[in-house]
């Protein structure tokens, strides 16, 4: 699930997968992932 996306092994295939991965990134304090998924 989310660890695939946060690790960079896969890109989230849809907005819901991206939202879920961003939630986990916030939980774990991974602001690099948060910034890299914004535009």
ModelCIF file with pLDDT and N, C-alpha, C, O atoms, coordinates in Angstrom:
data_MODEL
#
_entry.id   MODEL 
#
_entity.id                         1 
_entity.type                       polymer 
_entity.pdbx_number_of_molecules   1 
#
_entity_poly.entity_id                      1 
_entity_poly.type                           'polypeptide(L)' 
_entity_poly.nstd_linkage                   no 
_entity_poly.nstd_monomer                   no 
_entity_poly.pdbx_seq_one_letter_code       
;(UNK)(UNK)(UNK)(UNK)(UNK)(UNK)(UNK)(UNK)(UNK)(UNK)(UNK)(UNK)(UNK)(UNK)(UNK)(UNK)
(UNK)(UNK)(UNK)(UNK)(UNK)(UNK)(UNK)(UNK)(UNK)(UNK)(UNK)(UNK)(UNK)(UNK)(UNK)(UNK)
(UNK)(UNK)(UNK)(UNK)(UNK)(UNK)(UNK)
;
_entity_poly.pdbx_seq_one_letter_code_can   XXXXXXXXXXXXXXXXXXXXXXXXXXXXXXXXXXXXXXX 
_entity_poly.pdbx_strand_id                 A 
#
loop_
_entity_poly_seq.entity_id 
_entity_poly_seq.num 
_entity_poly_seq.mon_id 
_entity_poly_seq.hetero 
1 1  UNK n 
1 2  UNK n 
1 3  UNK n 
1 4  UNK n 
1 5  UNK n 
1 6  UNK n 
1 7  UNK n 
1 8  UNK n 
1 9  UNK n 
1 10 UNK n 
1 11 UNK n 
1 12 UNK n 
1 13 UNK n 
1 14 UNK n 
1 15 UNK n 
1 16 UNK n 
1 17 UNK n 
1 18 UNK n 
1 19 UNK n 
1 20 UNK n 
1 21 UNK n 
1 22 UNK n 
1 23 UNK n 
1 24 UNK n 
1 25 UNK n 
1 26 UNK n 
1 27 UNK n 
1 28 UNK n 
1 29 UNK n 
1 30 UNK n 
1 31 UNK n 
1 32 UNK n 
1 33 UNK n 
1 34 UNK n 
1 35 UNK n 
1 36 UNK n 
1 37 UNK n 
1 38 UNK n 
1 39 UNK n 
#
_struct_asym.id          A 
_struct_asym.entity_id   1 
#
loop_
_ma_qa_metric.id 
_ma_qa_metric.mode 
_ma_qa_metric.name 
_ma_qa_metric.software_group_id 
_ma_qa_metric.type 
1 global pLDDT . pLDDT 
2 local  pLDDT . pLDDT 
#
_ma_qa_metric_global.metric_id      1 
_ma_qa_metric_global.metric_value   96.64 
_ma_qa_metric_global.model_id       1 
_ma_qa_metric_global.ordinal_id     1 
#
loop_
_ma_qa_metric_local.label_asym_id 
_ma_qa_metric_local.label_comp_id 
_ma_qa_metric_local.label_seq_id 
_ma_qa_metric_local.metric_id 
_ma_qa_metric_local.metric_value 
_ma_qa_metric_local.model_id 
_ma_qa_metric_local.ordinal_id 
A UNK 1  2 95.00 1 1  
A UNK 2  2 96.00 1 2  
A UNK 3  2 94.00 1 3  
A UNK 4  2 95.00 1 4  
A UNK 5  2 97.00 1 5  
A UNK 6  2 96.00 1 6  
A UNK 7  2 95.00 1 7  
A UNK 8  2 95.00 1 8  
A UNK 9  2 95.00 1 9  
A UNK 10 2 96.00 1 10 
A UNK 11 2 97.00 1 11 
A UNK 12 2 96.00 1 12 
A UNK 13 2 95.00 1 13 
A UNK 14 2 95.00 1 14 
A UNK 15 2 97.00 1 15 
A UNK 16 2 97.00 1 16 
A UNK 17 2 97.00 1 17 
A UNK 18 2 98.00 1 18 
A UNK 19 2 98.00 1 19 
A UNK 20 2 98.00 1 20 
A UNK 21 2 98.00 1 21 
A UNK 22 2 98.00 1 22 
A UNK 23 2 98.00 1 23 
A UNK 24 2 97.00 1 24 
A UNK 25 2 97.00 1 25 
A UNK 26 2 97.00 1 26 
A UNK 27 2 96.00 1 27 
A UNK 28 2 96.00 1 28 
A UNK 29 2 96.00 1 29 
A UNK 30 2 97.00 1 30 
A UNK 31 2 97.00 1 31 
A UNK 32 2 97.00 1 32 
A UNK 33 2 98.00 1 33 
A UNK 34 2 98.00 1 34 
A UNK 35 2 98.00 1 35 
A UNK 36 2 97.00 1 36 
A UNK 37 2 98.00 1 37 
A UNK 38 2 98.00 1 38 
A UNK 39 2 96.00 1 39 
#
loop_
_atom_site.group_PDB 
_atom_site.id 
_atom_site.type_symbol 
_atom_site.label_atom_id 
_atom_site.label_alt_id 
_atom_site.label_comp_id 
_atom_site.label_asym_id 
_atom_site.label_entity_id 
_atom_site.label_seq_id 
_atom_site.pdbx_PDB_ins_code 
_atom_site.Cartn_x 
_atom_site.Cartn_y 
_atom_site.Cartn_z 
_atom_site.occupancy 
_atom_site.B_iso_or_equiv 
_atom_site.pdbx_formal_charge 
_atom_site.auth_seq_id 
_atom_site.auth_comp_id 
_atom_site.auth_asym_id 
_atom_site.auth_atom_id 
_atom_site.pdbx_PDB_model_num 
ATOM 1   N N  . UNK A 1 1  ? 0.848  -1.197 0.000   1.00 95.00 ? 1  UNK A N  1 
ATOM 2   C CA . UNK A 1 1  ? 0.000  0.000  0.000   1.00 95.00 ? 1  UNK A CA 1 
ATOM 3   C C  . UNK A 1 1  ? 0.882  1.245  0.000   1.00 95.00 ? 1  UNK A C  1 
ATOM 4   O O  . UNK A 1 1  ? 1.722  1.403  -0.885  1.00 95.00 ? 1  UNK A O  1 
ATOM 5   N N  . UNK A 1 2  ? 0.707  2.106  0.954   1.00 96.00 ? 2  UNK A N  1 
ATOM 6   C CA . UNK A 1 2  ? 1.352  3.417  0.976   1.00 96.00 ? 2  UNK A CA 1 
ATOM 7   C C  . UNK A 1 2  ? 2.870  3.375  0.969   1.00 96.00 ? 2  UNK A C  1 
ATOM 8   O O  . UNK A 1 2  ? 3.503  4.266  0.402   1.00 96.00 ? 2  UNK A O  1 
ATOM 9   N N  . UNK A 1 3  ? 3.465  2.373  1.578   1.00 94.00 ? 3  UNK A N  1 
ATOM 10  C CA . UNK A 1 3  ? 4.931  2.318  1.605   1.00 94.00 ? 3  UNK A CA 1 
ATOM 11  C C  . UNK A 1 3  ? 5.521  2.173  0.199   1.00 94.00 ? 3  UNK A C  1 
ATOM 12  O O  . UNK A 1 3  ? 6.644  2.616  -0.045  1.00 94.00 ? 3  UNK A O  1 
ATOM 13  N N  . UNK A 1 4  ? 4.788  1.566  -0.717  1.00 95.00 ? 4  UNK A N  1 
ATOM 14  C CA . UNK A 1 4  ? 5.243  1.480  -2.109  1.00 95.00 ? 4  UNK A CA 1 
ATOM 15  C C  . UNK A 1 4  ? 5.403  2.869  -2.726  1.00 95.00 ? 4  UNK A C  1 
ATOM 16  O O  . UNK A 1 4  ? 6.346  3.128  -3.475  1.00 95.00 ? 4  UNK A O  1 
ATOM 17  N N  . UNK A 1 5  ? 4.466  3.753  -2.398  1.00 97.00 ? 5  UNK A N  1 
ATOM 18  C CA . UNK A 1 5  ? 4.467  5.087  -2.972  1.00 97.00 ? 5  UNK A CA 1 
ATOM 19  C C  . UNK A 1 5  ? 5.479  5.993  -2.272  1.00 97.00 ? 5  UNK A C  1 
ATOM 20  O O  . UNK A 1 5  ? 6.224  6.725  -2.925  1.00 97.00 ? 5  UNK A O  1 
ATOM 21  N N  . UNK A 1 6  ? 5.500  5.938  -0.952  1.00 96.00 ? 6  UNK A N  1 
ATOM 22  C CA . UNK A 1 6  ? 6.411  6.795  -0.189  1.00 96.00 ? 6  UNK A CA 1 
ATOM 23  C C  . UNK A 1 6  ? 7.868  6.426  -0.459  1.00 96.00 ? 6  UNK A C  1 
ATOM 24  O O  . UNK A 1 6  ? 8.733  7.301  -0.491  1.00 96.00 ? 6  UNK A O  1 
ATOM 25  N N  . UNK A 1 7  ? 8.140  5.154  -0.652  1.00 95.00 ? 7  UNK A N  1 
ATOM 26  C CA . UNK A 1 7  ? 9.509  4.707  -0.948  1.00 95.00 ? 7  UNK A CA 1 
ATOM 27  C C  . UNK A 1 7  ? 9.932  5.047  -2.374  1.00 95.00 ? 7  UNK A C  1 
ATOM 28  O O  . UNK A 1 7  ? 11.118 4.987  -2.697  1.00 95.00 ? 7  UNK A O  1 
ATOM 29  N N  . UNK A 1 8  ? 8.979  5.402  -3.226  1.00 95.00 ? 8  UNK A N  1 
ATOM 30  C CA . UNK A 1 8  ? 9.288  5.719  -4.614  1.00 95.00 ? 8  UNK A CA 1 
ATOM 31  C C  . UNK A 1 8  ? 9.294  4.507  -5.532  1.00 95.00 ? 8  UNK A C  1 
ATOM 32  O O  . UNK A 1 8  ? 9.622  4.629  -6.713  1.00 95.00 ? 8  UNK A O  1 
ATOM 33  N N  . UNK A 1 9  ? 8.933  3.329  -5.002  1.00 95.00 ? 9  UNK A N  1 
ATOM 34  C CA . UNK A 1 9  ? 8.916  2.116  -5.824  1.00 95.00 ? 9  UNK A CA 1 
ATOM 35  C C  . UNK A 1 9  ? 7.816  2.167  -6.879  1.00 95.00 ? 9  UNK A C  1 
ATOM 36  O O  . UNK A 1 9  ? 7.957  1.610  -7.968  1.00 95.00 ? 9  UNK A O  1 
ATOM 37  N N  . UNK A 1 10 ? 6.713  2.847  -6.540  1.00 96.00 ? 10 UNK A N  1 
ATOM 38  C CA . UNK A 1 10 ? 5.600  3.014  -7.470  1.00 96.00 ? 10 UNK A CA 1 
ATOM 39  C C  . UNK A 1 10 ? 5.019  4.402  -7.286  1.00 96.00 ? 10 UNK A C  1 
ATOM 40  O O  . UNK A 1 10 ? 5.178  5.020  -6.233  1.00 96.00 ? 10 UNK A O  1 
ATOM 41  N N  . UNK A 1 11 ? 4.341  4.892  -8.326  1.00 97.00 ? 11 UNK A N  1 
ATOM 42  C CA . UNK A 1 11 ? 3.594  6.134  -8.220  1.00 97.00 ? 11 UNK A CA 1 
ATOM 43  C C  . UNK A 1 11 ? 2.149  5.794  -7.870  1.00 97.00 ? 11 UNK A C  1 
ATOM 44  O O  . UNK A 1 11 ? 1.623  4.793  -8.356  1.00 97.00 ? 11 UNK A O  1 
ATOM 45  N N  . UNK A 1 12 ? 1.503  6.596  -7.048  1.00 96.00 ? 12 UNK A N  1 
ATOM 46  C CA . UNK A 1 12 ? 0.087  6.341  -6.760  1.00 96.00 ? 12 UNK A CA 1 
ATOM 47  C C  . UNK A 1 12 ? -0.726 6.361  -8.058  1.00 96.00 ? 12 UNK A C  1 
ATOM 48  O O  . UNK A 1 12 ? -0.593 7.292  -8.853  1.00 96.00 ? 12 UNK A O  1 
ATOM 49  N N  . UNK A 1 13 ? -1.564 5.344  -8.279  1.00 95.00 ? 13 UNK A N  1 
ATOM 50  C CA . UNK A 1 13 ? -2.288 5.250  -9.540  1.00 95.00 ? 13 UNK A CA 1 
ATOM 51  C C  . UNK A 1 13 ? -3.500 6.170  -9.652  1.00 95.00 ? 13 UNK A C  1 
ATOM 52  O O  . UNK A 1 13 ? -4.062 6.333  -10.735 1.00 95.00 ? 13 UNK A O  1 
ATOM 53  N N  . UNK A 1 14 ? -3.903 6.774  -8.526  1.00 95.00 ? 14 UNK A N  1 
ATOM 54  C CA . UNK A 1 14 ? -5.098 7.621  -8.536  1.00 95.00 ? 14 UNK A CA 1 
ATOM 55  C C  . UNK A 1 14 ? -5.038 8.585  -7.347  1.00 95.00 ? 14 UNK A C  1 
ATOM 56  O O  . UNK A 1 14 ? -4.206 8.419  -6.455  1.00 95.00 ? 14 UNK A O  1 
ATOM 57  N N  . UNK A 1 15 ? -5.921 9.596  -7.333  1.00 97.00 ? 15 UNK A N  1 
ATOM 58  C CA . UNK A 1 15 ? -5.911 10.564 -6.237  1.00 97.00 ? 15 UNK A CA 1 
ATOM 59  C C  . UNK A 1 15 ? -6.120 9.939  -4.855  1.00 97.00 ? 15 UNK A C  1 
ATOM 60  O O  . UNK A 1 15 ? -5.504 10.385 -3.887  1.00 97.00 ? 15 UNK A O  1 
ATOM 61  N N  . UNK A 1 16 ? -6.967 8.925  -4.744  1.00 97.00 ? 16 UNK A N  1 
ATOM 62  C CA . UNK A 1 16 ? -7.204 8.316  -3.436  1.00 97.00 ? 16 UNK A CA 1 
ATOM 63  C C  . UNK A 1 16 ? -5.942 7.656  -2.887  1.00 97.00 ? 16 UNK A C  1 
ATOM 64  O O  . UNK A 1 16 ? -5.646 7.779  -1.698  1.00 97.00 ? 16 UNK A O  1 
ATOM 65  N N  . UNK A 1 17 ? -5.207 6.968  -3.731  1.00 97.00 ? 17 UNK A N  1 
ATOM 66  C CA . UNK A 1 17 ? -3.947 6.351  -3.296  1.00 97.00 ? 17 UNK A CA 1 
ATOM 67  C C  . UNK A 1 17 ? -2.948 7.418  -2.868  1.00 97.00 ? 17 UNK A C  1 
ATOM 68  O O  . UNK A 1 17 ? -2.214 7.236  -1.897  1.00 97.00 ? 17 UNK A O  1 
ATOM 69  N N  . UNK A 1 18 ? -2.921 8.525  -3.592  1.00 98.00 ? 18 UNK A N  1 
ATOM 70  C CA . UNK A 1 18 ? -2.023 9.626  -3.225  1.00 98.00 ? 18 UNK A CA 1 
ATOM 71  C C  . UNK A 1 18 ? -2.438 10.228 -1.890  1.00 98.00 ? 18 UNK A C  1 
ATOM 72  O O  . UNK A 1 18 ? -1.583 10.489 -1.043  1.00 98.00 ? 18 UNK A O  1 
ATOM 73  N N  . UNK A 1 19 ? -3.721 10.452 -1.688  1.00 98.00 ? 19 UNK A N  1 
ATOM 74  C CA . UNK A 1 19 ? -4.198 10.999 -0.408  1.00 98.00 ? 19 UNK A CA 1 
ATOM 75  C C  . UNK A 1 19 ? -3.816 10.081 0.747   1.00 98.00 ? 19 UNK A C  1 
ATOM 76  O O  . UNK A 1 19 ? -3.332 10.549 1.778   1.00 98.00 ? 19 UNK A O  1 
ATOM 77  N N  . UNK A 1 20 ? -4.027 8.798  0.584   1.00 98.00 ? 20 UNK A N  1 
ATOM 78  C CA . UNK A 1 20 ? -3.700 7.844  1.648   1.00 98.00 ? 20 UNK A CA 1 
ATOM 79  C C  . UNK A 1 20 ? -2.190 7.855  1.948   1.00 98.00 ? 20 UNK A C  1 
ATOM 80  O O  . UNK A 1 20 ? -1.793 7.821  3.113   1.00 98.00 ? 20 UNK A O  1 
ATOM 81  N N  . UNK A 1 21 ? -1.359 7.903  0.915   1.00 98.00 ? 21 UNK A N  1 
ATOM 82  C CA . UNK A 1 21 ? 0.087  7.945  1.121   1.00 98.00 ? 21 UNK A CA 1 
ATOM 83  C C  . UNK A 1 21 ? 0.504  9.252  1.797   1.00 98.00 ? 21 UNK A C  1 
ATOM 84  O O  . UNK A 1 21 ? 1.391  9.252  2.651   1.00 98.00 ? 21 UNK A O  1 
ATOM 85  N N  . UNK A 1 22 ? -0.122 10.349 1.428   1.00 98.00 ? 22 UNK A N  1 
ATOM 86  C CA . UNK A 1 22 ? 0.183  11.635 2.064   1.00 98.00 ? 22 UNK A CA 1 
ATOM 87  C C  . UNK A 1 22 ? -0.216 11.620 3.536   1.00 98.00 ? 22 UNK A C  1 
ATOM 88  O O  . UNK A 1 22 ? 0.473  12.215 4.364   1.00 98.00 ? 22 UNK A O  1 
ATOM 89  N N  . UNK A 1 23 ? -1.301 10.960 3.870   1.00 98.00 ? 23 UNK A N  1 
ATOM 90  C CA . UNK A 1 23 ? -1.711 10.816 5.272   1.00 98.00 ? 23 UNK A CA 1 
ATOM 91  C C  . UNK A 1 23 ? -0.613 10.093 6.053   1.00 98.00 ? 23 UNK A C  1 
ATOM 92  O O  . UNK A 1 23 ? -0.228 10.538 7.134   1.00 98.00 ? 23 UNK A O  1 
ATOM 93  N N  . UNK A 1 24 ? -0.113 8.990  5.518   1.00 97.00 ? 24 UNK A N  1 
ATOM 94  C CA . UNK A 1 24 ? 0.961  8.234  6.182   1.00 97.00 ? 24 UNK A CA 1 
ATOM 95  C C  . UNK A 1 24 ? 2.224  9.089  6.272   1.00 97.00 ? 24 UNK A C  1 
ATOM 96  O O  . UNK A 1 24 ? 2.912  9.066  7.292   1.00 97.00 ? 24 UNK A O  1 
ATOM 97  N N  . UNK A 1 25 ? 2.533  9.835  5.227   1.00 97.00 ? 25 UNK A N  1 
ATOM 98  C CA . UNK A 1 25 ? 3.715  10.706 5.253   1.00 97.00 ? 25 UNK A CA 1 
ATOM 99  C C  . UNK A 1 25 ? 3.582  11.767 6.342   1.00 97.00 ? 25 UNK A C  1 
ATOM 100 O O  . UNK A 1 25 ? 4.557  12.076 7.027   1.00 97.00 ? 25 UNK A O  1 
ATOM 101 N N  . UNK A 1 26 ? 2.397  12.320 6.504   1.00 97.00 ? 26 UNK A N  1 
ATOM 102 C CA . UNK A 1 26 ? 2.185  13.272 7.598   1.00 97.00 ? 26 UNK A CA 1 
ATOM 103 C C  . UNK A 1 26 ? 2.367  12.576 8.941   1.00 97.00 ? 26 UNK A C  1 
ATOM 104 O O  . UNK A 1 26 ? 3.034  13.106 9.830   1.00 97.00 ? 26 UNK A O  1 
ATOM 105 N N  . UNK A 1 27 ? 1.785  11.405 9.093   1.00 96.00 ? 27 UNK A N  1 
ATOM 106 C CA . UNK A 1 27 ? 1.898  10.656 10.349  1.00 96.00 ? 27 UNK A CA 1 
ATOM 107 C C  . UNK A 1 27 ? 3.351  10.410 10.728  1.00 96.00 ? 27 UNK A C  1 
ATOM 108 O O  . UNK A 1 27 ? 3.710  10.471 11.905  1.00 96.00 ? 27 UNK A O  1 
ATOM 109 N N  . UNK A 1 28 ? 4.176  10.136 9.746   1.00 96.00 ? 28 UNK A N  1 
ATOM 110 C CA . UNK A 1 28 ? 5.576  9.788  9.998   1.00 96.00 ? 28 UNK A CA 1 
ATOM 111 C C  . UNK A 1 28 ? 6.518  10.990 9.858   1.00 96.00 ? 28 UNK A C  1 
ATOM 112 O O  . UNK A 1 28 ? 7.733  10.851 9.990   1.00 96.00 ? 28 UNK A O  1 
ATOM 113 N N  . UNK A 1 29 ? 5.951  12.161 9.592   1.00 96.00 ? 29 UNK A N  1 
ATOM 114 C CA . UNK A 1 29 ? 6.767  13.369 9.494   1.00 96.00 ? 29 UNK A CA 1 
ATOM 115 C C  . UNK A 1 29 ? 7.613  13.457 8.241   1.00 96.00 ? 29 UNK A C  1 
ATOM 116 O O  . UNK A 1 29 ? 8.642  14.132 8.242   1.00 96.00 ? 29 UNK A O  1 
ATOM 117 N N  . UNK A 1 30 ? 7.207  12.794 7.176   1.00 97.00 ? 30 UNK A N  1 
ATOM 118 C CA . UNK A 1 30 ? 7.969  12.785 5.918   1.00 97.00 ? 30 UNK A CA 1 
ATOM 119 C C  . UNK A 1 30 ? 7.531  13.970 5.044   1.00 97.00 ? 30 UNK A C  1 
ATOM 120 O O  . UNK A 1 30 ? 6.769  13.808 4.091   1.00 97.00 ? 30 UNK A O  1 
ATOM 121 N N  . UNK A 1 31 ? 8.026  15.151 5.390   1.00 97.00 ? 31 UNK A N  1 
ATOM 122 C CA . UNK A 1 31 ? 7.632  16.361 4.670   1.00 97.00 ? 31 UNK A CA 1 
ATOM 123 C C  . UNK A 1 31 ? 8.231  16.412 3.265   1.00 97.00 ? 31 UNK A C  1 
ATOM 124 O O  . UNK A 1 31 ? 7.704  17.116 2.403   1.00 97.00 ? 31 UNK A O  1 
ATOM 125 N N  . UNK A 1 32 ? 9.316  15.684 3.017   1.00 97.00 ? 32 UNK A N  1 
ATOM 126 C CA . UNK A 1 32 ? 9.858  15.614 1.652   1.00 97.00 ? 32 UNK A CA 1 
ATOM 127 C C  . UNK A 1 32 ? 8.844  14.972 0.717   1.00 97.00 ? 32 UNK A C  1 
ATOM 128 O O  . UNK A 1 32 ? 8.622  15.458 -0.392  1.00 97.00 ? 32 UNK A O  1 
ATOM 129 N N  . UNK A 1 33 ? 8.221  13.867 1.167   1.00 98.00 ? 33 UNK A N  1 
ATOM 130 C CA . UNK A 1 33 ? 7.214  13.216 0.330   1.00 98.00 ? 33 UNK A CA 1 
ATOM 131 C C  . UNK A 1 33 ? 6.029  14.160 0.107   1.00 98.00 ? 33 UNK A C  1 
ATOM 132 O O  . UNK A 1 33 ? 5.514  14.273 -1.005  1.00 98.00 ? 33 UNK A O  1 
ATOM 133 N N  . UNK A 1 34 ? 5.611  14.828 1.169   1.00 98.00 ? 34 UNK A N  1 
ATOM 134 C CA . UNK A 1 34 ? 4.486  15.770 1.051   1.00 98.00 ? 34 UNK A CA 1 
ATOM 135 C C  . UNK A 1 34 ? 4.809  16.823 -0.009  1.00 98.00 ? 34 UNK A C  1 
ATOM 136 O O  . UNK A 1 34 ? 4.007  17.054 -0.913  1.00 98.00 ? 34 UNK A O  1 
ATOM 137 N N  . UNK A 1 35 ? 5.959  17.454 0.091   1.00 98.00 ? 35 UNK A N  1 
ATOM 138 C CA . UNK A 1 35 ? 6.340  18.501 -0.862  1.00 98.00 ? 35 UNK A CA 1 
ATOM 139 C C  . UNK A 1 35 ? 6.463  17.959 -2.283  1.00 98.00 ? 35 UNK A C  1 
ATOM 140 O O  . UNK A 1 35 ? 6.063  18.624 -3.239  1.00 98.00 ? 35 UNK A O  1 
ATOM 141 N N  . UNK A 1 36 ? 7.011  16.761 -2.425  1.00 97.00 ? 36 UNK A N  1 
ATOM 142 C CA . UNK A 1 36 ? 7.208  16.178 -3.754  1.00 97.00 ? 36 UNK A CA 1 
ATOM 143 C C  . UNK A 1 36 ? 5.910  15.753 -4.427  1.00 97.00 ? 36 UNK A C  1 
ATOM 144 O O  . UNK A 1 36 ? 5.903  15.457 -5.622  1.00 97.00 ? 36 UNK A O  1 
ATOM 145 N N  . UNK A 1 37 ? 4.817  15.720 -3.678  1.00 98.00 ? 37 UNK A N  1 
ATOM 146 C CA . UNK A 1 37 ? 3.529  15.319 -4.247  1.00 98.00 ? 37 UNK A CA 1 
ATOM 147 C C  . UNK A 1 37 ? 2.597  16.515 -4.420  1.00 98.00 ? 37 UNK A C  1 
ATOM 148 O O  . UNK A 1 37 ? 1.398  16.353 -4.644  1.00 98.00 ? 37 UNK A O  1 
ATOM 149 N N  . UNK A 1 38 ? 3.164  17.718 -4.314  1.00 98.00 ? 38 UNK A N  1 
ATOM 150 C CA . UNK A 1 38 ? 2.373  18.943 -4.463  1.00 98.00 ? 38 UNK A CA 1 
ATOM 151 C C  . UNK A 1 38 ? 2.794  19.685 -5.726  1.00 98.00 ? 38 UNK A C  1 
ATOM 152 O O  . UNK A 1 38 ? 3.910  19.535 -6.224  1.00 98.00 ? 38 UNK A O  1 
ATOM 153 N N  . UNK A 1 39 ? 1.858  20.493 -6.225  1.00 96.00 ? 39 UNK A N  1 
ATOM 154 C CA . UNK A 1 39 ? 2.117  21.289 -7.420  1.00 96.00 ? 39 UNK A CA 1 
ATOM 155 C C  . UNK A 1 39 ? 1.272  22.554 -7.312  1.00 96.00 ? 39 UNK A C  1 
ATOM 156 O O  . UNK A 1 39 ? 1.311  23.401 -8.204  1.00 96.00 ? 39 UNK A O  1 
#
